[in-house]
Amino acid sequence: MEPVTLGAKFYNSEGLGITVLVKPADNVAGLVIRTCTTNGLIMTGATAPKDPYDYYTKPPVFGAFQTIMQLPYPVHIPAGFGLWSLANNGPVRVSMTYDLLT
C-alpha cells in the first residue's frame, strides 16, 4: 500500500447547518482533497447549497451520516468551485487536508 500524502492546507472544525470549508473565490486553479473524515455531507459547486437536499443542483463529494467515514481516495475539485459541509441532524465534524493547485 502506498503512503497517503497530506495536503499543505487543512480544515478541522465542527459546525451546524451549512459551513464553508473552501470559498469558491479562493479556488482559482482547482484543488485536491488529500484526506478527509466526516460524519456529514460535503458538497461542491460555484455557489453554496441551500440545504442538505440540494444534491439535485450541487454535486456531492462525500457523505456519511450518523457515523464517521474516511474519504478513500484524493478528489480533484474544479477551479471556481467551493466546498461546504452540511448537517442534517446535529453537528458535523470535518477533518480535511487539501492542496490548492497553481
C-alpha atoms as a PDB file:
ATOM      1  CA  MET A   1       0.000   0.000   0.000  1.00  0.00           C
ATOM      2  CA  GLU A   2       1.293   3.462  -0.943  1.00  0.00           C
ATOM      3  CA  PRO A   3       1.546   6.201   1.695  1.00  0.00           C
ATOM      4  CA  VAL A   4      -1.120   8.919   1.673  1.00  0.00           C
ATOM      5  CA  THR A   5       0.096  12.460   1.004  1.00  0.00           C
ATOM      6  CA  LEU A   6      -1.211  15.104   3.385  1.00  0.00           C
ATOM      7  CA  GLY A   7      -2.315  18.393   1.880  1.00  0.00           C
ATOM      8  CA  ALA A   8      -0.407  21.581   2.664  1.00  0.00           C
ATOM      9  CA  LYS A   9      -3.617  23.223   3.940  1.00  0.00           C
ATOM     10  CA  PHE A  10      -6.094  21.857   6.436  1.00  0.00           C
ATOM     11  CA  TYR A  11      -9.572  22.404   7.794  1.00  0.00           C
ATOM     12  CA  ASN A  12     -10.610  20.924  11.124  1.00  0.00           C
ATOM     13  CA  SER A  13     -13.828  22.045  12.751  1.00  0.00           C
ATOM     14  CA  GLU A  14     -17.332  21.215  13.837  1.00  0.00           C
ATOM     15  CA  GLY A  15     -20.436  23.111  12.795  1.00  0.00           C
ATOM     16  CA  LEU A  16     -24.182  23.142  12.400  1.00  0.00           C
ATOM     17  CA  GLY A  17     -26.101  23.869   9.206  1.00  0.00           C
ATOM     18  CA  ILE A  18     -24.047  24.854   6.158  1.00  0.00           C
ATOM     19  CA  THR A  19     -20.347  25.524   6.865  1.00  0.00           C
ATOM     20  CA  VAL A  20     -17.857  26.926   4.344  1.00  0.00           C
ATOM     21  CA  LEU A  21     -14.732  24.755   4.051  1.00  0.00           C
ATOM     22  CA  VAL A  22     -13.198  26.496   0.990  1.00  0.00           C
ATOM     23  CA  LYS A  23     -14.666  29.600  -0.673  1.00  0.00           C
ATOM     24  CA  PRO A  24     -15.109  29.476  -4.469  1.00  0.00           C
ATOM     25  CA  ALA A  25     -13.057  32.690  -4.775  1.00  0.00           C
ATOM     26  CA  ASP A  26     -10.102  31.000  -3.016  1.00  0.00           C
ATOM     27  CA  ASN A  27     -10.084  28.128  -5.525  1.00  0.00           C
ATOM     28  CA  VAL A  28      -8.645  29.881  -8.595  1.00  0.00           C
ATOM     29  CA  ALA A  29      -6.882  26.908 -10.252  1.00  0.00           C
ATOM     30  CA  GLY A  30      -8.542  23.867  -8.698  1.00  0.00           C
ATOM     31  CA  LEU A  31      -7.895  21.963  -5.513  1.00  0.00           C
ATOM     32  CA  VAL A  32      -7.262  18.387  -4.447  1.00  0.00           C
ATOM     33  CA  ILE A  33      -8.736  16.964  -1.254  1.00  0.00           C
ATOM     34  CA  ARG A  34      -5.949  14.695   0.030  1.00  0.00           C
ATOM     35  CA  THR A  35      -7.512  13.326   3.207  1.00  0.00           C
ATOM     36  CA  CYS A  36     -10.935  13.793   4.769  1.00  0.00           C
ATOM     37  CA  THR A  37     -13.015  12.318   7.563  1.00  0.00           C
ATOM     38  CA  THR A  38     -16.540  13.490   8.334  1.00  0.00           C
ATOM     39  CA  ASN A  39     -19.836  12.469   9.827  1.00  0.00           C
ATOM     40  CA  GLY A  40     -21.836  14.655   7.428  1.00  0.00           C
ATOM     41  CA  LEU A  41     -22.205  15.645   3.802  1.00  0.00           C
ATOM     42  CA  ILE A  42     -19.632  17.575   1.761  1.00  0.00           C
ATOM     43  CA  MET A  43     -20.830  19.330  -1.404  1.00  0.00           C
ATOM     44  CA  THR A  44     -19.151  21.442  -4.055  1.00  0.00           C
ATOM     45  CA  GLY A  45     -20.242  23.952  -6.678  1.00  0.00           C
ATOM     46  CA  ALA A  46     -19.841  27.564  -7.783  1.00  0.00           C
ATOM     47  CA  THR A  47     -22.392  28.676  -5.159  1.00  0.00           C
ATOM     48  CA  ALA A  48     -23.364  27.379  -1.733  1.00  0.00           C
ATOM     49  CA  PRO A  49     -26.002  24.665  -1.412  1.00  0.00           C
ATOM     50  CA  LYS A  50     -29.345  25.727   0.096  1.00  0.00           C
ATOM     51  CA  ASP A  51     -29.771  22.677   2.325  1.00  0.00           C
ATOM     52  CA  PRO A  52     -28.644  19.025   2.647  1.00  0.00           C
ATOM     53  CA  TYR A  53     -31.150  18.031  -0.034  1.00  0.00           C
ATOM     54  CA  ASP A  54     -29.704  20.389  -2.683  1.00  0.00           C
ATOM     55  CA  TYR A  55     -27.895  17.498  -4.378  1.00  0.00           C
ATOM     56  CA  TYR A  56     -30.108  18.000  -7.429  1.00  0.00           C
ATOM     57  CA  THR A  57     -28.179  21.192  -8.276  1.00  0.00           C
ATOM     58  CA  LYS A  58     -24.883  20.734  -6.368  1.00  0.00           C
ATOM     59  CA  PRO A  59     -22.501  17.785  -6.711  1.00  0.00           C
ATOM     60  CA  PRO A  60     -21.984  15.808  -3.505  1.00  0.00           C
ATOM     61  CA  VAL A  61     -18.339  14.950  -2.883  1.00  0.00           C
ATOM     62  CA  PHE A  62     -18.691  12.685   0.115  1.00  0.00           C
ATOM     63  CA  GLY A  63     -21.330  11.763   2.652  1.00  0.00           C
ATOM     64  CA  ALA A  64     -21.520   9.909   5.922  1.00  0.00           C
ATOM     65  CA  PHE A  65     -24.476  10.372   8.230  1.00  0.00           C
ATOM     66  CA  GLN A  66     -24.504   9.189  11.869  1.00  0.00           C
ATOM     67  CA  THR A  67     -21.032   7.667  11.598  1.00  0.00           C
ATOM     68  CA  ILE A  68     -17.545   8.931  10.822  1.00  0.00           C
ATOM     69  CA  MET A  69     -16.259   7.918   7.397  1.00  0.00           C
ATOM     70  CA  GLN A  70     -12.934   8.462   5.660  1.00  0.00           C
ATOM     71  CA  LEU A  71     -12.647   9.520   2.026  1.00  0.00           C
ATOM     72  CA  PRO A  72     -10.896   6.531   0.390  1.00  0.00           C
ATOM     73  CA  TYR A  73      -9.006   8.490  -2.317  1.00  0.00           C
ATOM     74  CA  PRO A  74      -7.981  12.051  -3.308  1.00  0.00           C
ATOM     75  CA  VAL A  75     -10.610  14.130  -5.137  1.00  0.00           C
ATOM     76  CA  HIS A  76      -9.953  16.952  -7.622  1.00  0.00           C
ATOM     77  CA  ILE A  77     -12.349  19.928  -7.365  1.00  0.00           C
ATOM     78  CA  PRO A  78     -12.514  22.240 -10.436  1.00  0.00           C
ATOM     79  CA  ALA A  79     -11.430  25.885 -10.290  1.00  0.00           C
ATOM     80  CA  GLY A  80     -14.114  28.269  -9.061  1.00  0.00           C
ATOM     81  CA  PHE A  81     -15.898  25.616  -7.001  1.00  0.00           C
ATOM     82  CA  GLY A  82     -16.120  25.861  -3.219  1.00  0.00           C
ATOM     83  CA  LEU A  83     -16.577  23.194  -0.564  1.00  0.00           C
ATOM     84  CA  TRP A  84     -19.272  23.122   2.112  1.00  0.00           C
ATOM     85  CA  SER A  85     -20.197  20.714   4.878  1.00  0.00           C
ATOM     86  CA  LEU A  86     -23.861  20.224   5.649  1.00  0.00           C
ATOM     87  CA  ALA A  87     -25.521  18.950   8.782  1.00  0.00           C
ATOM     88  CA  ASN A  88     -28.802  17.121   8.758  1.00  0.00           C
ATOM     89  CA  ASN A  89     -29.149  16.209  12.426  1.00  0.00           C
ATOM     90  CA  GLY A  90     -26.674  17.660  14.899  1.00  0.00           C
ATOM     91  CA  PRO A  91     -23.146  18.970  14.400  1.00  0.00           C
ATOM     92  CA  VAL A  92     -20.874  17.867  11.568  1.00  0.00           C
ATOM     93  CA  ARG A  93     -17.172  17.345  12.214  1.00  0.00           C
ATOM     94  CA  VAL A  94     -14.798  17.688   9.255  1.00  0.00           C
ATOM     95  CA  SER A  95     -11.075  16.967   9.329  1.00  0.00           C
ATOM     96  CA  MET A  96      -9.586  17.585   5.879  1.00  0.00           C
ATOM     97  CA  THR A  97      -6.229  18.281   4.254  1.00  0.00           C
ATOM     98  CA  TYR A  98      -6.049  19.742   0.762  1.00  0.00           C
ATOM     99  CA  ASP A  99      -3.829  21.452  -1.784  1.00  0.00           C
ATOM    100  CA  LEU A 100      -4.736  24.496  -3.863  1.00  0.00           C
ATOM    101  CA  LEU A 101      -3.395  23.993  -7.389  1.00  0.00           C
ATOM    102  CA  THR A 102      -1.453  26.718  -9.202  1.00  0.00           C
END
